[in-house]
N, C-alpha and C. Protein backbone atom coordinates (compact mmCIF):
# COMPACT_ATOMS: atom_id res chain seq x y z
N MET A 1 23.66 -70.70 56.74
CA MET A 1 22.86 -69.53 57.01
C MET A 1 22.04 -69.21 55.76
N GLU A 2 20.77 -69.16 55.92
CA GLU A 2 19.88 -68.91 54.79
C GLU A 2 19.35 -67.47 54.86
N ASN A 3 19.39 -66.81 53.73
CA ASN A 3 18.93 -65.43 53.68
C ASN A 3 17.45 -65.43 53.30
N THR A 4 16.59 -65.37 54.29
CA THR A 4 15.15 -65.37 54.04
C THR A 4 14.58 -63.96 54.05
N ASN A 5 15.40 -62.99 54.33
CA ASN A 5 14.93 -61.60 54.41
C ASN A 5 15.21 -60.90 53.07
N ARG A 6 14.62 -61.41 52.02
CA ARG A 6 14.82 -60.83 50.69
C ARG A 6 13.73 -59.79 50.46
N ASN A 7 14.15 -58.61 50.16
CA ASN A 7 13.21 -57.53 49.92
C ASN A 7 13.36 -57.08 48.47
N VAL A 8 12.68 -57.77 47.55
CA VAL A 8 12.82 -57.51 46.13
C VAL A 8 12.28 -56.13 45.78
N PHE A 9 11.22 -55.69 46.47
CA PHE A 9 10.60 -54.41 46.15
C PHE A 9 11.07 -53.29 47.07
N GLY A 10 12.21 -53.44 47.70
CA GLY A 10 12.79 -52.38 48.51
C GLY A 10 13.48 -51.35 47.64
N LEU A 11 14.04 -50.32 48.25
CA LEU A 11 14.69 -49.26 47.47
C LEU A 11 15.94 -49.74 46.76
N ASN A 12 16.51 -50.84 47.19
CA ASN A 12 17.68 -51.38 46.50
C ASN A 12 17.29 -52.49 45.53
N GLY A 13 16.00 -52.63 45.27
CA GLY A 13 15.53 -53.68 44.36
C GLY A 13 14.86 -53.08 43.13
N VAL A 14 13.76 -53.71 42.73
CA VAL A 14 13.05 -53.31 41.52
C VAL A 14 12.46 -51.91 41.68
N ALA A 15 11.88 -51.61 42.82
CA ALA A 15 11.26 -50.31 43.03
C ALA A 15 12.30 -49.19 42.98
N GLY A 16 13.45 -49.44 43.55
CA GLY A 16 14.51 -48.43 43.50
C GLY A 16 14.99 -48.17 42.09
N MET A 17 15.08 -49.25 41.30
CA MET A 17 15.49 -49.09 39.90
C MET A 17 14.45 -48.29 39.13
N LEU A 18 13.17 -48.57 39.36
CA LEU A 18 12.11 -47.85 38.67
C LEU A 18 12.07 -46.39 39.09
N ILE A 19 12.26 -46.11 40.36
CA ILE A 19 12.30 -44.72 40.83
C ILE A 19 13.46 -43.98 40.19
N ALA A 20 14.63 -44.58 40.14
CA ALA A 20 15.79 -43.94 39.53
C ALA A 20 15.57 -43.71 38.04
N THR A 21 14.97 -44.66 37.35
CA THR A 21 14.72 -44.52 35.91
C THR A 21 13.73 -43.40 35.63
N VAL A 22 12.64 -43.35 36.39
CA VAL A 22 11.64 -42.29 36.21
C VAL A 22 12.24 -40.93 36.54
N LEU A 23 13.05 -40.87 37.57
CA LEU A 23 13.69 -39.61 37.95
C LEU A 23 14.63 -39.13 36.85
N LEU A 24 15.44 -40.00 36.31
CA LEU A 24 16.36 -39.61 35.24
C LEU A 24 15.61 -39.21 33.97
N LEU A 25 14.54 -39.92 33.62
CA LEU A 25 13.75 -39.54 32.45
C LEU A 25 13.06 -38.20 32.66
N GLY A 26 12.61 -37.93 33.88
CA GLY A 26 12.00 -36.64 34.20
C GLY A 26 12.99 -35.50 34.05
N ILE A 27 14.21 -35.71 34.54
CA ILE A 27 15.26 -34.70 34.40
C ILE A 27 15.57 -34.48 32.93
N LEU A 28 15.64 -35.53 32.15
CA LEU A 28 15.90 -35.41 30.71
C LEU A 28 14.81 -34.60 30.02
N VAL A 29 13.56 -34.83 30.35
CA VAL A 29 12.45 -34.10 29.74
C VAL A 29 12.52 -32.62 30.10
N VAL A 30 12.75 -32.32 31.36
CA VAL A 30 12.80 -30.91 31.80
C VAL A 30 13.95 -30.18 31.13
N LEU A 31 15.13 -30.78 31.08
CA LEU A 31 16.27 -30.12 30.45
C LEU A 31 16.06 -29.96 28.94
N SER A 32 15.41 -30.93 28.31
CA SER A 32 15.13 -30.82 26.87
C SER A 32 14.15 -29.67 26.60
N ILE A 33 13.12 -29.54 27.43
CA ILE A 33 12.16 -28.45 27.26
C ILE A 33 12.84 -27.11 27.46
N TRP A 34 13.68 -26.98 28.48
CA TRP A 34 14.41 -25.72 28.71
C TRP A 34 15.32 -25.40 27.53
N GLY A 35 15.97 -26.41 26.97
CA GLY A 35 16.86 -26.19 25.84
C GLY A 35 16.11 -25.75 24.60
N ILE A 36 14.97 -26.35 24.35
CA ILE A 36 14.16 -25.97 23.19
C ILE A 36 13.63 -24.55 23.36
N ASP A 37 13.20 -24.19 24.56
CA ASP A 37 12.73 -22.83 24.82
C ASP A 37 13.86 -21.81 24.63
N ALA A 38 15.06 -22.15 25.07
CA ALA A 38 16.19 -21.24 24.89
C ALA A 38 16.52 -21.06 23.42
N GLN A 39 16.46 -22.13 22.64
CA GLN A 39 16.72 -22.02 21.20
C GLN A 39 15.66 -21.18 20.50
N LYS A 40 14.39 -21.33 20.91
CA LYS A 40 13.33 -20.52 20.31
C LYS A 40 13.51 -19.05 20.63
N ALA A 41 13.92 -18.74 21.86
CA ALA A 41 14.12 -17.34 22.25
C ALA A 41 15.25 -16.70 21.46
N VAL A 42 16.30 -17.42 21.20
CA VAL A 42 17.44 -16.88 20.46
C VAL A 42 17.12 -16.81 18.97
N ALA A 43 16.35 -17.74 18.45
CA ALA A 43 16.04 -17.76 17.03
C ALA A 43 15.15 -16.58 16.64
N ASP A 44 14.37 -16.05 17.58
CA ASP A 44 13.49 -14.91 17.28
C ASP A 44 14.21 -13.58 17.33
N LYS A 45 15.47 -13.55 17.74
CA LYS A 45 16.20 -12.30 17.88
C LYS A 45 17.47 -12.35 17.02
N PRO A 46 17.34 -12.08 15.74
CA PRO A 46 18.55 -12.08 14.91
C PRO A 46 19.42 -10.87 15.24
N TYR A 47 20.68 -10.96 14.90
CA TYR A 47 21.60 -9.86 15.16
C TYR A 47 22.37 -9.54 13.89
N LYS A 48 22.93 -8.35 13.87
CA LYS A 48 23.78 -7.97 12.75
C LYS A 48 25.07 -7.38 13.30
N ILE A 49 26.11 -7.46 12.53
CA ILE A 49 27.41 -6.92 12.91
C ILE A 49 27.55 -5.55 12.27
N ASP A 50 27.79 -4.53 13.10
CA ASP A 50 27.83 -3.15 12.62
C ASP A 50 29.01 -2.90 11.69
N ASN A 51 30.21 -3.20 12.15
CA ASN A 51 31.41 -2.93 11.37
C ASN A 51 32.26 -4.20 11.33
N PRO A 52 32.06 -5.06 10.34
CA PRO A 52 32.78 -6.33 10.33
C PRO A 52 34.30 -6.18 10.19
N GLN A 53 34.77 -5.08 9.60
CA GLN A 53 36.21 -4.88 9.41
C GLN A 53 36.91 -4.56 10.74
N ALA A 54 36.17 -4.04 11.72
CA ALA A 54 36.78 -3.66 12.99
C ALA A 54 36.85 -4.81 13.99
N VAL A 55 36.28 -5.93 13.66
CA VAL A 55 36.27 -7.08 14.57
C VAL A 55 37.64 -7.75 14.52
N LYS A 56 38.25 -7.89 15.69
CA LYS A 56 39.55 -8.56 15.78
C LYS A 56 39.32 -10.03 16.10
N MET A 57 40.31 -10.86 15.82
CA MET A 57 40.15 -12.29 16.02
C MET A 57 39.98 -12.63 17.50
N ILE A 58 40.84 -12.12 18.36
CA ILE A 58 40.74 -12.40 19.79
C ILE A 58 40.73 -11.06 20.50
N ASP A 59 39.52 -10.66 20.95
CA ASP A 59 39.39 -9.38 21.62
C ASP A 59 38.11 -9.42 22.46
N ALA A 60 38.18 -8.88 23.67
CA ALA A 60 37.02 -8.89 24.55
C ALA A 60 35.98 -7.87 24.12
N SER A 61 36.35 -6.90 23.33
CA SER A 61 35.40 -5.86 22.92
C SER A 61 34.64 -6.24 21.65
N ASN A 62 34.73 -7.46 21.20
CA ASN A 62 34.01 -7.88 20.00
C ASN A 62 32.50 -7.86 20.19
N THR A 63 32.03 -7.94 21.43
CA THR A 63 30.58 -7.94 21.67
C THR A 63 29.97 -6.58 21.39
N GLN A 64 30.77 -5.53 21.33
CA GLN A 64 30.23 -4.20 21.05
C GLN A 64 29.86 -4.05 19.59
N HIS A 65 30.30 -4.90 18.72
CA HIS A 65 30.00 -4.79 17.29
C HIS A 65 28.68 -5.47 16.94
N LYS A 66 28.10 -6.19 17.88
CA LYS A 66 26.88 -6.94 17.60
C LYS A 66 25.67 -6.12 18.04
N THR A 67 24.66 -6.00 17.18
CA THR A 67 23.43 -5.30 17.49
C THR A 67 22.27 -6.26 17.27
N ILE A 68 21.40 -6.37 18.27
CA ILE A 68 20.24 -7.26 18.16
C ILE A 68 19.13 -6.49 17.46
N GLU A 69 18.63 -7.06 16.36
CA GLU A 69 17.54 -6.43 15.61
C GLU A 69 16.21 -6.83 16.23
N LYS A 70 15.29 -5.91 16.22
CA LYS A 70 13.96 -6.20 16.81
C LYS A 70 12.89 -6.10 15.78
């Protein structure tokens, strides 16, 4: 039995590999841009700690000691 129905450029061949590669690179670019934008947004908003002596090592209320400077 000879397999003469070879579809090299089908979705399971070269074209499928290229589509998957372009899709993954596109996702990488979008996530990198979102990450850089998030870092820029946080870098522009420094914060200060109001009372450093009152901060406990493990406590849910530690976020109340942080003030974002504008």
